[in-house]
C-alpha atoms as a PDB file:
ATOM      1  CA  UNK A   1       1.569 -14.127   9.702  1.00  0.00           C
ATOM      2  CA  UNK A   2       0.304 -14.106  12.735  1.00  0.00           C
ATOM      3  CA  UNK A   3      -3.207 -14.974  12.883  1.00  0.00           C
ATOM      4  CA  UNK A   4      -5.331 -14.572  16.378  1.00  0.00           C
ATOM      5  CA  UNK A   5      -8.937 -15.879  16.678  1.00  0.00           C
ATOM      6  CA  UNK A   6     -11.490 -13.579  18.085  1.00  0.00           C
ATOM      7  CA  UNK A   7     -15.268 -14.314  19.214  1.00  0.00           C
ATOM      8  CA  UNK A   8     -15.647 -10.183  18.508  1.00  0.00           C
ATOM      9  CA  UNK A   9     -13.840  -9.299  15.571  1.00  0.00           C
ATOM     10  CA  UNK A  10     -14.079  -8.848  12.758  1.00  0.00           C
ATOM     11  CA  UNK A  11     -17.984  -8.381  12.584  1.00  0.00           C
ATOM     12  CA  UNK A  12     -20.162 -11.155  11.208  1.00  0.00           C
ATOM     13  CA  UNK A  13     -20.195 -11.707   7.364  1.00  0.00           C
ATOM     14  CA  UNK A  14     -16.209 -11.302   7.777  1.00  0.00           C
ATOM     15  CA  UNK A  15     -13.688 -14.031   8.063  1.00  0.00           C
ATOM     16  CA  UNK A  16     -10.763 -11.906   9.212  1.00  0.00           C
ATOM     17  CA  UNK A  17      -9.330  -8.397   9.373  1.00  0.00           C
ATOM     18  CA  UNK A  18      -5.588  -7.477   8.879  1.00  0.00           C
ATOM     19  CA  UNK A  19      -4.425  -5.273  11.558  1.00  0.00           C
ATOM     20  CA  UNK A  20      -1.130  -4.053  10.869  1.00  0.00           C
ATOM     21  CA  UNK A  21       0.198  -7.404   9.435  1.00  0.00           C
ATOM     22  CA  UNK A  22      -1.772  -9.157  12.508  1.00  0.00           C
ATOM     23  CA  UNK A  23      -4.576 -11.211  11.045  1.00  0.00           C
ATOM     24  CA  UNK A  24      -7.960 -11.496  13.380  1.00  0.00           C
ATOM     25  CA  UNK A  25     -10.403 -13.753  12.333  1.00  0.00           C
ATOM     26  CA  UNK A  26     -14.097 -15.080  13.733  1.00  0.00           C
ATOM     27  CA  UNK A  27     -12.857 -18.313  15.787  1.00  0.00           C
ATOM     28  CA  UNK A  28     -16.712 -19.547  14.967  1.00  0.00           C
ATOM     29  CA  UNK A  29     -15.232 -19.821  11.221  1.00  0.00           C
ATOM     30  CA  UNK A  30     -12.340 -22.189  12.069  1.00  0.00           C
ATOM     31  CA  UNK A  31      -9.021 -21.989  10.429  1.00  0.00           C
ATOM     32  CA  UNK A  32      -8.336 -19.872   7.557  1.00  0.00           C
ATOM     33  CA  UNK A  33      -8.195 -21.507   4.094  1.00  0.00           C
ATOM     34  CA  UNK A  34      -5.118 -20.389   1.900  1.00  0.00           C
ATOM     35  CA  UNK A  35      -6.787 -18.000  -0.077  1.00  0.00           C
ATOM     36  CA  UNK A  36      -7.937 -16.129   2.588  1.00  0.00           C
ATOM     37  CA  UNK A  37      -4.241 -15.728   3.963  1.00  0.00           C
ATOM     38  CA  UNK A  38      -3.031 -14.957   0.441  1.00  0.00           C
ATOM     39  CA  UNK A  39      -5.864 -12.501   0.343  1.00  0.00           C
ATOM     40  CA  UNK A  40      -4.452 -11.125   4.004  1.00  0.00           C
ATOM     41  CA  UNK A  41      -1.102 -11.094   2.850  1.00  0.00           C
ATOM     42  CA  UNK A  42      -1.947  -8.906  -0.193  1.00  0.00           C
ATOM     43  CA  UNK A  43      -2.969  -6.226   2.253  1.00  0.00           C
ATOM     44  CA  UNK A  44      -0.139  -6.621   4.654  1.00  0.00           C
ATOM     45  CA  UNK A  45       2.095  -5.550   1.557  1.00  0.00           C
ATOM     46  CA  UNK A  46      -0.702  -2.692   0.952  1.00  0.00           C
ATOM     47  CA  UNK A  47      -0.188  -1.641   4.818  1.00  0.00           C
ATOM     48  CA  UNK A  48       3.879  -1.411   4.606  1.00  0.00           C
ATOM     49  CA  UNK A  49       3.823   0.377   1.369  1.00  0.00           C
ATOM     50  CA  UNK A  50       1.755   3.177   2.858  1.00  0.00           C
ATOM     51  CA  UNK A  51       3.118   2.589   6.638  1.00  0.00           C
ATOM     52  CA  UNK A  52      -0.004   1.701   8.401  1.00  0.00           C
ATOM     53  CA  UNK A  53      -2.089   4.265   9.166  1.00  0.00           C
ATOM     54  CA  UNK A  54      -1.569   5.566   5.427  1.00  0.00           C
ATOM     55  CA  UNK A  55      -3.814   2.688   4.462  1.00  0.00           C
ATOM     56  CA  UNK A  56      -6.338   2.768   7.087  1.00  0.00           C
ATOM     57  CA  UNK A  57      -6.540   6.175   6.254  1.00  0.00           C
ATOM     58  CA  UNK A  58      -6.883   5.555   2.422  1.00  0.00           C
ATOM     59  CA  UNK A  59      -9.394   2.842   3.120  1.00  0.00           C
ATOM     60  CA  UNK A  60     -11.878   4.403   5.040  1.00  0.00           C
ATOM     61  CA  UNK A  61     -11.994   7.457   3.223  1.00  0.00           C
ATOM     62  CA  UNK A  62     -12.135   5.664   0.152  1.00  0.00           C
ATOM     63  CA  UNK A  63     -14.947   3.190   1.597  1.00  0.00           C
ATOM     64  CA  UNK A  64     -16.767   6.248   2.655  1.00  0.00           C
ATOM     65  CA  UNK A  65     -16.860   8.056  -0.732  1.00  0.00           C
ATOM     66  CA  UNK A  66     -17.906   4.615  -2.135  1.00  0.00           C
ATOM     67  CA  UNK A  67     -20.464   4.156   0.484  1.00  0.00           C
ATOM     68  CA  UNK A  68     -21.950   7.941  -0.371  1.00  0.00           C
ATOM     69  CA  UNK A  69     -21.559   7.213  -4.248  1.00  0.00           C
ATOM     70  CA  UNK A  70     -23.511   3.308  -4.363  1.00  0.00           C
ATOM     71  CA  UNK A  71     -25.515   3.754  -1.219  1.00  0.00           C
ATOM     72  CA  UNK A  72     -24.268  -0.057  -0.007  1.00  0.00           C
ATOM     73  CA  UNK A  73     -21.864  -0.259   2.705  1.00  0.00           C
ATOM     74  CA  UNK A  74     -21.090  -3.544   1.430  1.00  0.00           C
ATOM     75  CA  UNK A  75     -20.876  -2.263  -2.107  1.00  0.00           C
ATOM     76  CA  UNK A  76     -18.878   0.223  -0.694  1.00  0.00           C
ATOM     77  CA  UNK A  77     -16.514  -2.211   0.650  1.00  0.00           C
ATOM     78  CA  UNK A  78     -15.925  -4.461  -2.797  1.00  0.00           C
ATOM     79  CA  UNK A  79     -15.301  -1.188  -4.635  1.00  0.00           C
ATOM     80  CA  UNK A  80     -12.278  -0.499  -2.290  1.00  0.00           C
ATOM     81  CA  UNK A  81      -9.215  -0.632  -4.796  1.00  0.00           C
ATOM     82  CA  UNK A  82      -7.186  -2.573  -2.169  1.00  0.00           C
ATOM     83  CA  UNK A  83     -10.123  -4.845  -1.980  1.00  0.00           C
ATOM     84  CA  UNK A  84     -10.161  -5.159  -5.497  1.00  0.00           C
ATOM     85  CA  UNK A  85      -6.700  -6.178  -5.625  1.00  0.00           C
ATOM     86  CA  UNK A  86      -6.895  -8.663  -3.171  1.00  0.00           C
ATOM     87  CA  UNK A  87      -9.612 -10.537  -4.166  1.00  0.00           C
ATOM     88  CA  UNK A  88      -8.565 -10.139  -7.930  1.00  0.00           C
ATOM     89  CA  UNK A  89      -4.951 -12.231  -6.574  1.00  0.00           C
ATOM     90  CA  UNK A  90      -6.055 -14.478  -3.699  1.00  0.00           C
ATOM     91  CA  UNK A  91      -6.233 -17.342  -5.783  1.00  0.00           C
ATOM     92  CA  UNK A  92      -2.276 -16.870  -7.270  1.00  0.00           C
ATOM     93  CA  UNK A  93       0.628 -17.857  -4.779  1.00  0.00           C
ATOM     94  CA  UNK A  94       2.978 -16.475  -6.188  1.00  0.00           C
ATOM     95  CA  UNK A  95       1.162 -12.811  -6.788  1.00  0.00           C
ATOM     96  CA  UNK A  96       3.058 -11.109  -4.180  1.00  0.00           C
ATOM     97  CA  UNK A  97       6.315 -11.794  -5.683  1.00  0.00           C
ATOM     98  CA  UNK A  98       5.974 -10.327  -9.057  1.00  0.00           C
ATOM     99  CA  UNK A  99       3.636  -7.517  -7.596  1.00  0.00           C
ATOM    100  CA  UNK A 100       4.821  -3.834  -8.074  1.00  0.00           C
ATOM    101  CA  UNK A 101       4.823  -1.448  -5.517  1.00  0.00           C
ATOM    102  CA  UNK A 102       1.454   0.467  -5.146  1.00  0.00           C
ATOM    103  CA  UNK A 103      -0.100  -1.787  -7.887  1.00  0.00           C
ATOM    104  CA  UNK A 104      -3.867  -1.180  -5.729  1.00  0.00           C
ATOM    105  CA  UNK A 105      -3.454   2.058  -7.690  1.00  0.00           C
ATOM    106  CA  UNK A 106      -4.691   0.178 -10.760  1.00  0.00           C
ATOM    107  CA  UNK A 107      -7.700  -0.905  -9.500  1.00  0.00           C
ATOM    108  CA  UNK A 108      -9.312   2.283  -8.361  1.00  0.00           C
ATOM    109  CA  UNK A 109     -12.326   2.898 -10.341  1.00  0.00           C
ATOM    110  CA  UNK A 110     -13.409   5.755 -12.393  1.00  0.00           C
ATOM    111  CA  UNK A 111     -17.014   6.232 -13.422  1.00  0.00           C
ATOM    112  CA  UNK A 112     -19.695   3.602 -13.055  1.00  0.00           C
ATOM    113  CA  UNK A 113     -18.828   0.109 -12.136  1.00  0.00           C
END
């Protein structure tokens, strides 16, 4: 994966953002750890599955829904199905070799957190 280090993206409190398979990381935080790279690799797979724009539309829609639901932008972010899948598996170096297509669907929430 290609990593670009920036002074401006992503917003503070975040280490990296995946833009169509290119990772943009905050320069001030230094090199990305393996776990962050794995997290972003999972997002890259999700992005490909939904043909890029579909991922970003779904991601944004789910975040807005969660923000209304939970009243916190950070809680909304943590509840996005894509993030839940990536955080649950970013420690597992072999996850992508056995991951099924559209696995993020298993991480959709219903009811209370």
